[in-house]
Amino acid sequence: MVETMREGWTELEGWTDPEQSVAKEAFERAYGRAVERLVTALRDRAAALHSAESVWQLHDYLSIERHTMEGRFDFRLDGILFVFASLVKDDLLTIDELAGLDAEKLAKIAAMSRF
């Protein structure tokens, strides 16, 4: 079972309740996919362990990934459209999974995801 991010959520000012539900569901879905990718990468790296140095490299990799994920999956209004665009760009989310958001928000996310 994929863990959830519910405890870190804040209400998005200016977003309707239905939009917030769509956003939270999409955000959680993307988080689950990111965790699945990390687990797959970790299994591959663990299978290649052959020395103490490779263990420390794995440790460093996990530290970086944890820092990246904790920063990326912070559900707050500041920059949320950029976060969604980044998730779309990295194939952790699709624009279709954001259906229900205001058309202007969707257009911004779609445009930013192309860069």
N, C-alpha and C. Protein backbone atom coordinates (compact mmCIF):
# COMPACT_ATOMS: atom_id res chain seq x y z
N MET A 1 0.84 -1.18 0.00
CA MET A 1 0.00 0.00 0.00
C MET A 1 0.89 1.24 0.00
N VAL A 2 0.53 2.20 -0.81
CA VAL A 2 1.29 3.44 -0.91
C VAL A 2 0.94 4.35 0.25
N GLU A 3 1.95 4.89 0.91
CA GLU A 3 1.68 5.82 1.99
C GLU A 3 1.13 7.13 1.43
N THR A 4 0.48 7.90 2.28
CA THR A 4 -0.13 9.15 1.82
C THR A 4 0.60 10.35 2.38
N MET A 5 0.28 11.50 1.84
CA MET A 5 0.89 12.75 2.26
C MET A 5 -0.08 13.62 3.05
N ARG A 6 -1.19 13.10 3.47
CA ARG A 6 -2.28 13.90 4.04
C ARG A 6 -1.87 14.86 5.15
N GLU A 7 -0.96 14.47 6.04
CA GLU A 7 -0.64 15.34 7.15
C GLU A 7 0.04 16.65 6.74
N GLY A 8 0.63 16.71 5.57
CA GLY A 8 1.33 17.91 5.13
C GLY A 8 0.48 18.87 4.32
N TRP A 9 -0.78 18.57 4.14
CA TRP A 9 -1.62 19.40 3.27
C TRP A 9 -2.11 20.65 3.98
N THR A 10 -2.15 21.72 3.21
CA THR A 10 -2.78 22.95 3.67
C THR A 10 -3.86 23.30 2.66
N GLU A 11 -4.81 24.05 3.09
CA GLU A 11 -5.87 24.49 2.18
C GLU A 11 -5.28 25.47 1.17
N LEU A 12 -5.75 25.38 -0.05
CA LEU A 12 -5.27 26.26 -1.11
C LEU A 12 -6.25 27.43 -1.24
N GLU A 13 -5.81 28.58 -0.81
CA GLU A 13 -6.64 29.78 -0.85
C GLU A 13 -7.00 30.12 -2.29
N GLY A 14 -8.28 30.37 -2.54
CA GLY A 14 -8.74 30.73 -3.87
C GLY A 14 -9.08 29.52 -4.73
N TRP A 15 -8.93 28.34 -4.20
CA TRP A 15 -9.28 27.12 -4.91
C TRP A 15 -10.60 26.61 -4.33
N THR A 16 -11.48 26.16 -5.21
CA THR A 16 -12.76 25.61 -4.75
C THR A 16 -12.52 24.28 -4.05
N ASP A 17 -13.51 23.84 -3.28
CA ASP A 17 -13.39 22.54 -2.63
C ASP A 17 -13.19 21.41 -3.64
N PRO A 18 -13.97 21.39 -4.75
CA PRO A 18 -13.73 20.34 -5.74
C PRO A 18 -12.32 20.40 -6.35
N GLU A 19 -11.80 21.61 -6.59
CA GLU A 19 -10.45 21.75 -7.13
C GLU A 19 -9.42 21.22 -6.13
N GLN A 20 -9.64 21.52 -4.85
CA GLN A 20 -8.71 21.04 -3.83
C GLN A 20 -8.73 19.51 -3.75
N SER A 21 -9.90 18.92 -3.91
CA SER A 21 -9.99 17.46 -3.89
C SER A 21 -9.23 16.86 -5.07
N VAL A 22 -9.41 17.44 -6.26
CA VAL A 22 -8.69 16.97 -7.45
C VAL A 22 -7.19 17.13 -7.23
N ALA A 23 -6.78 18.29 -6.74
CA ALA A 23 -5.37 18.56 -6.54
C ALA A 23 -4.75 17.59 -5.53
N LYS A 24 -5.42 17.36 -4.43
CA LYS A 24 -4.89 16.47 -3.39
C LYS A 24 -4.81 15.03 -3.89
N GLU A 25 -5.82 14.59 -4.62
CA GLU A 25 -5.80 13.23 -5.16
C GLU A 25 -4.66 13.07 -6.17
N ALA A 26 -4.50 14.06 -7.05
CA ALA A 26 -3.44 14.01 -8.06
C ALA A 26 -2.07 14.06 -7.39
N PHE A 27 -1.94 14.91 -6.39
CA PHE A 27 -0.69 15.06 -5.66
C PHE A 27 -0.31 13.74 -5.00
N GLU A 28 -1.27 13.11 -4.36
CA GLU A 28 -1.02 11.83 -3.70
C GLU A 28 -0.68 10.73 -4.71
N ARG A 29 -1.36 10.75 -5.83
CA ARG A 29 -1.07 9.76 -6.90
C ARG A 29 0.37 9.94 -7.39
N ALA A 30 0.77 11.17 -7.63
CA ALA A 30 2.14 11.43 -8.10
C ALA A 30 3.17 11.03 -7.03
N TYR A 31 2.87 11.28 -5.78
CA TYR A 31 3.76 10.88 -4.70
C TYR A 31 3.93 9.36 -4.69
N GLY A 32 2.83 8.65 -4.83
CA GLY A 32 2.90 7.19 -4.88
C GLY A 32 3.76 6.69 -6.03
N ARG A 33 3.62 7.33 -7.17
CA ARG A 33 4.44 6.94 -8.33
C ARG A 33 5.91 7.25 -8.10
N ALA A 34 6.19 8.38 -7.46
CA ALA A 34 7.58 8.74 -7.17
C ALA A 34 8.19 7.73 -6.20
N VAL A 35 7.42 7.31 -5.22
CA VAL A 35 7.91 6.31 -4.27
C VAL A 35 8.17 4.99 -4.99
N GLU A 36 7.26 4.60 -5.87
CA GLU A 36 7.46 3.36 -6.63
C GLU A 36 8.74 3.43 -7.47
N ARG A 37 8.99 4.57 -8.10
CA ARG A 37 10.22 4.73 -8.89
C ARG A 37 11.45 4.63 -8.01
N LEU A 38 11.37 5.25 -6.84
CA LEU A 38 12.50 5.22 -5.92
C LEU A 38 12.77 3.79 -5.46
N VAL A 39 11.74 3.05 -5.13
CA VAL A 39 11.91 1.67 -4.69
C VAL A 39 12.55 0.82 -5.80
N THR A 40 12.08 1.02 -7.02
CA THR A 40 12.66 0.28 -8.15
C THR A 40 14.14 0.62 -8.32
N ALA A 41 14.46 1.91 -8.27
CA ALA A 41 15.86 2.33 -8.40
C ALA A 41 16.69 1.79 -7.24
N LEU A 42 16.12 1.79 -6.06
CA LEU A 42 16.84 1.29 -4.89
C LEU A 42 17.13 -0.20 -5.02
N ARG A 43 16.17 -0.97 -5.51
CA ARG A 43 16.40 -2.41 -5.72
C ARG A 43 17.54 -2.63 -6.71
N ASP A 44 17.53 -1.86 -7.79
CA ASP A 44 18.59 -1.99 -8.79
C ASP A 44 19.96 -1.65 -8.20
N ARG A 45 20.01 -0.58 -7.44
CA ARG A 45 21.27 -0.17 -6.84
C ARG A 45 21.73 -1.15 -5.77
N ALA A 46 20.79 -1.65 -4.99
CA ALA A 46 21.14 -2.60 -3.93
C ALA A 46 21.69 -3.89 -4.53
N ALA A 47 21.15 -4.29 -5.67
CA ALA A 47 21.64 -5.50 -6.32
C ALA A 47 23.08 -5.34 -6.80
N ALA A 48 23.51 -4.10 -6.99
CA ALA A 48 24.86 -3.84 -7.49
C ALA A 48 25.86 -3.54 -6.38
N LEU A 49 25.46 -3.68 -5.13
CA LEU A 49 26.39 -3.42 -4.03
C LEU A 49 27.51 -4.46 -4.02
N HIS A 50 28.74 -3.97 -3.90
CA HIS A 50 29.87 -4.88 -3.92
C HIS A 50 31.00 -4.46 -2.98
N SER A 51 30.84 -3.30 -2.35
CA SER A 51 31.90 -2.82 -1.45
C SER A 51 31.31 -1.84 -0.45
N ALA A 52 32.10 -1.52 0.55
CA ALA A 52 31.68 -0.52 1.53
C ALA A 52 31.42 0.81 0.83
N GLU A 53 32.28 1.15 -0.14
CA GLU A 53 32.11 2.41 -0.87
C GLU A 53 30.77 2.46 -1.58
N SER A 54 30.36 1.34 -2.19
CA SER A 54 29.06 1.33 -2.88
C SER A 54 27.90 1.45 -1.89
N VAL A 55 28.09 0.96 -0.67
CA VAL A 55 27.06 1.12 0.37
C VAL A 55 26.94 2.60 0.74
N TRP A 56 28.06 3.27 0.90
CA TRP A 56 28.02 4.70 1.26
C TRP A 56 27.44 5.53 0.11
N GLN A 57 27.73 5.13 -1.11
CA GLN A 57 27.13 5.82 -2.26
C GLN A 57 25.62 5.64 -2.27
N LEU A 58 25.16 4.45 -1.90
CA LEU A 58 23.72 4.20 -1.80
C LEU A 58 23.11 5.07 -0.71
N HIS A 59 23.80 5.18 0.40
CA HIS A 59 23.34 6.04 1.49
C HIS A 59 23.21 7.49 1.02
N ASP A 60 24.22 7.98 0.31
CA ASP A 60 24.20 9.35 -0.21
C ASP A 60 23.04 9.54 -1.19
N TYR A 61 22.85 8.57 -2.05
CA TYR A 61 21.74 8.61 -3.02
C TYR A 61 20.40 8.73 -2.29
N LEU A 62 20.21 7.89 -1.27
CA LEU A 62 18.94 7.94 -0.52
C LEU A 62 18.76 9.27 0.21
N SER A 63 19.83 9.81 0.74
CA SER A 63 19.75 11.11 1.42
C SER A 63 19.31 12.21 0.46
N ILE A 64 19.90 12.19 -0.72
CA ILE A 64 19.54 13.19 -1.74
C ILE A 64 18.09 13.01 -2.18
N GLU A 65 17.69 11.77 -2.43
CA GLU A 65 16.32 11.50 -2.87
C GLU A 65 15.30 11.90 -1.80
N ARG A 66 15.62 11.64 -0.55
CA ARG A 66 14.71 12.03 0.53
C ARG A 66 14.54 13.54 0.57
N HIS A 67 15.65 14.24 0.50
CA HIS A 67 15.61 15.71 0.51
C HIS A 67 14.80 16.23 -0.68
N THR A 68 15.03 15.66 -1.84
CA THR A 68 14.32 16.07 -3.06
C THR A 68 12.82 15.83 -2.92
N MET A 69 12.45 14.64 -2.47
CA MET A 69 11.03 14.31 -2.36
C MET A 69 10.34 15.14 -1.29
N GLU A 70 10.98 15.36 -0.15
CA GLU A 70 10.37 16.16 0.89
C GLU A 70 10.15 17.60 0.43
N GLY A 71 11.06 18.11 -0.38
CA GLY A 71 10.89 19.46 -0.90
C GLY A 71 9.85 19.53 -2.00
N ARG A 72 9.84 18.55 -2.85
CA ARG A 72 8.93 18.54 -4.00
C ARG A 72 7.48 18.30 -3.58
N PHE A 73 7.27 17.43 -2.63
CA PHE A 73 5.92 17.06 -2.24
C PHE A 73 5.48 17.81 -0.99
N ASP A 74 5.54 19.12 -1.09
CA ASP A 74 5.09 20.02 -0.04
C ASP A 74 3.85 20.72 -0.58
N PHE A 75 2.68 20.32 -0.09
CA PHE A 75 1.41 20.78 -0.65
C PHE A 75 1.03 22.13 -0.05
N ARG A 76 1.50 23.19 -0.69
CA ARG A 76 1.15 24.55 -0.29
C ARG A 76 0.89 25.38 -1.53
N LEU A 77 0.16 26.45 -1.35
CA LEU A 77 -0.22 27.30 -2.48
C LEU A 77 1.00 27.86 -3.20
N ASP A 78 2.00 28.27 -2.44
CA ASP A 78 3.18 28.86 -3.07
C ASP A 78 3.80 27.88 -4.06
N GLY A 79 3.66 28.18 -5.31
CA GLY A 79 4.30 27.38 -6.34
C GLY A 79 3.60 26.09 -6.70
N ILE A 80 2.38 25.87 -6.26
CA ILE A 80 1.71 24.59 -6.52
C ILE A 80 1.54 24.33 -8.01
N LEU A 81 1.29 25.36 -8.81
CA LEU A 81 1.16 25.15 -10.25
C LEU A 81 2.50 24.70 -10.85
N PHE A 82 3.61 25.25 -10.34
CA PHE A 82 4.93 24.83 -10.80
C PHE A 82 5.20 23.38 -10.41
N VAL A 83 4.77 23.02 -9.21
CA VAL A 83 4.95 21.63 -8.76
C VAL A 83 4.17 20.69 -9.68
N PHE A 84 2.92 21.02 -9.95
CA PHE A 84 2.12 20.17 -10.85
C PHE A 84 2.76 20.09 -12.23
N ALA A 85 3.25 21.21 -12.73
CA ALA A 85 3.90 21.21 -14.05
C ALA A 85 5.13 20.30 -14.03
N SER A 86 5.90 20.37 -12.98
CA SER A 86 7.08 19.52 -12.84
C SER A 86 6.70 18.04 -12.79
N LEU A 87 5.62 17.73 -12.08
CA LEU A 87 5.16 16.34 -11.98
C LEU A 87 4.68 15.83 -13.33
N VAL A 88 4.02 16.70 -14.10
CA VAL A 88 3.58 16.32 -15.45
C VAL A 88 4.80 16.11 -16.34
N LYS A 89 5.73 17.03 -16.28
CA LYS A 89 6.94 16.94 -17.11
C LYS A 89 7.72 15.66 -16.82
N ASP A 90 7.75 15.24 -15.56
CA ASP A 90 8.50 14.05 -15.16
C ASP A 90 7.67 12.76 -15.24
N ASP A 91 6.52 12.84 -15.89
CA ASP A 91 5.64 11.68 -16.09
C ASP A 91 5.18 11.03 -14.79
N LEU A 92 5.04 11.84 -13.75
CA LEU A 92 4.47 11.34 -12.50
C LEU A 92 2.98 11.65 -12.43
N LEU A 93 2.52 12.45 -13.38
CA LEU A 93 1.13 12.89 -13.41
C LEU A 93 0.80 13.27 -14.85
N THR A 94 -0.46 13.17 -15.20
CA THR A 94 -0.89 13.64 -16.53
C THR A 94 -1.84 14.82 -16.35
N ILE A 95 -1.95 15.61 -17.39
CA ILE A 95 -2.90 16.73 -17.35
C ILE A 95 -4.32 16.20 -17.13
N ASP A 96 -4.62 15.06 -17.74
CA ASP A 96 -5.96 14.47 -17.57
C ASP A 96 -6.27 14.17 -16.11
N GLU A 97 -5.27 13.86 -15.33
CA GLU A 97 -5.48 13.56 -13.91
C GLU A 97 -5.76 14.82 -13.10
N LEU A 98 -5.62 15.95 -13.73
CA LEU A 98 -5.92 17.23 -13.08
C LEU A 98 -7.27 17.79 -13.55
N ALA A 99 -8.00 17.00 -14.33
CA ALA A 99 -9.32 17.43 -14.80
C ALA A 99 -10.18 17.78 -13.60
N GLY A 100 -10.82 18.92 -13.70
CA GLY A 100 -11.62 19.42 -12.59
C GLY A 100 -11.04 20.71 -12.04
N LEU A 101 -9.78 20.98 -12.37
CA LEU A 101 -9.20 22.27 -12.02
C LEU A 101 -9.71 23.31 -13.00
N ASP A 102 -9.69 24.54 -12.60
CA ASP A 102 -10.07 25.66 -13.45
C ASP A 102 -9.27 25.60 -14.75
N ALA A 103 -9.90 25.94 -15.86
CA ALA A 103 -9.26 25.87 -17.18
C ALA A 103 -7.99 26.71 -17.24
N GLU A 104 -7.98 27.85 -16.57
CA GLU A 104 -6.79 28.70 -16.58
C GLU A 104 -5.63 28.02 -15.85
N LYS A 105 -5.92 27.37 -14.74
CA LYS A 105 -4.87 26.65 -14.01
C LYS A 105 -4.32 25.51 -14.86
N LEU A 106 -5.20 24.77 -15.50
CA LEU A 106 -4.77 23.67 -16.37
C LEU A 106 -3.90 24.17 -17.51
N ALA A 107 -4.29 25.28 -18.10
CA ALA A 107 -3.51 25.84 -19.21
C ALA A 107 -2.11 26.25 -18.74
N LYS A 108 -2.03 26.85 -17.56
CA LYS A 108 -0.73 27.25 -17.01
C LYS A 108 0.14 26.03 -16.74
N ILE A 109 -0.45 25.01 -16.13
CA ILE A 109 0.29 23.78 -15.83
C ILE A 109 0.80 23.14 -17.12
N ALA A 110 -0.08 23.04 -18.12
CA ALA A 110 0.31 22.44 -19.40
C ALA A 110 1.44 23.23 -20.06
N ALA A 111 1.34 24.54 -20.05
CA ALA A 111 2.37 25.38 -20.66
C ALA A 111 3.70 25.24 -19.93
N MET A 112 3.67 25.29 -18.62
CA MET A 112 4.92 25.21 -17.84
C MET A 112 5.55 23.82 -17.94
N SER A 113 4.76 22.81 -18.13
CA SER A 113 5.29 21.44 -18.20
C SER A 113 6.10 21.19 -19.48
N ARG A 114 5.96 22.07 -20.44
CA ARG A 114 6.70 21.90 -21.69
C ARG A 114 8.11 22.47 -21.62
N PHE A 115 8.46 23.14 -20.53
CA PHE A 115 9.79 23.76 -20.42
C PHE A 115 10.67 23.01 -19.46
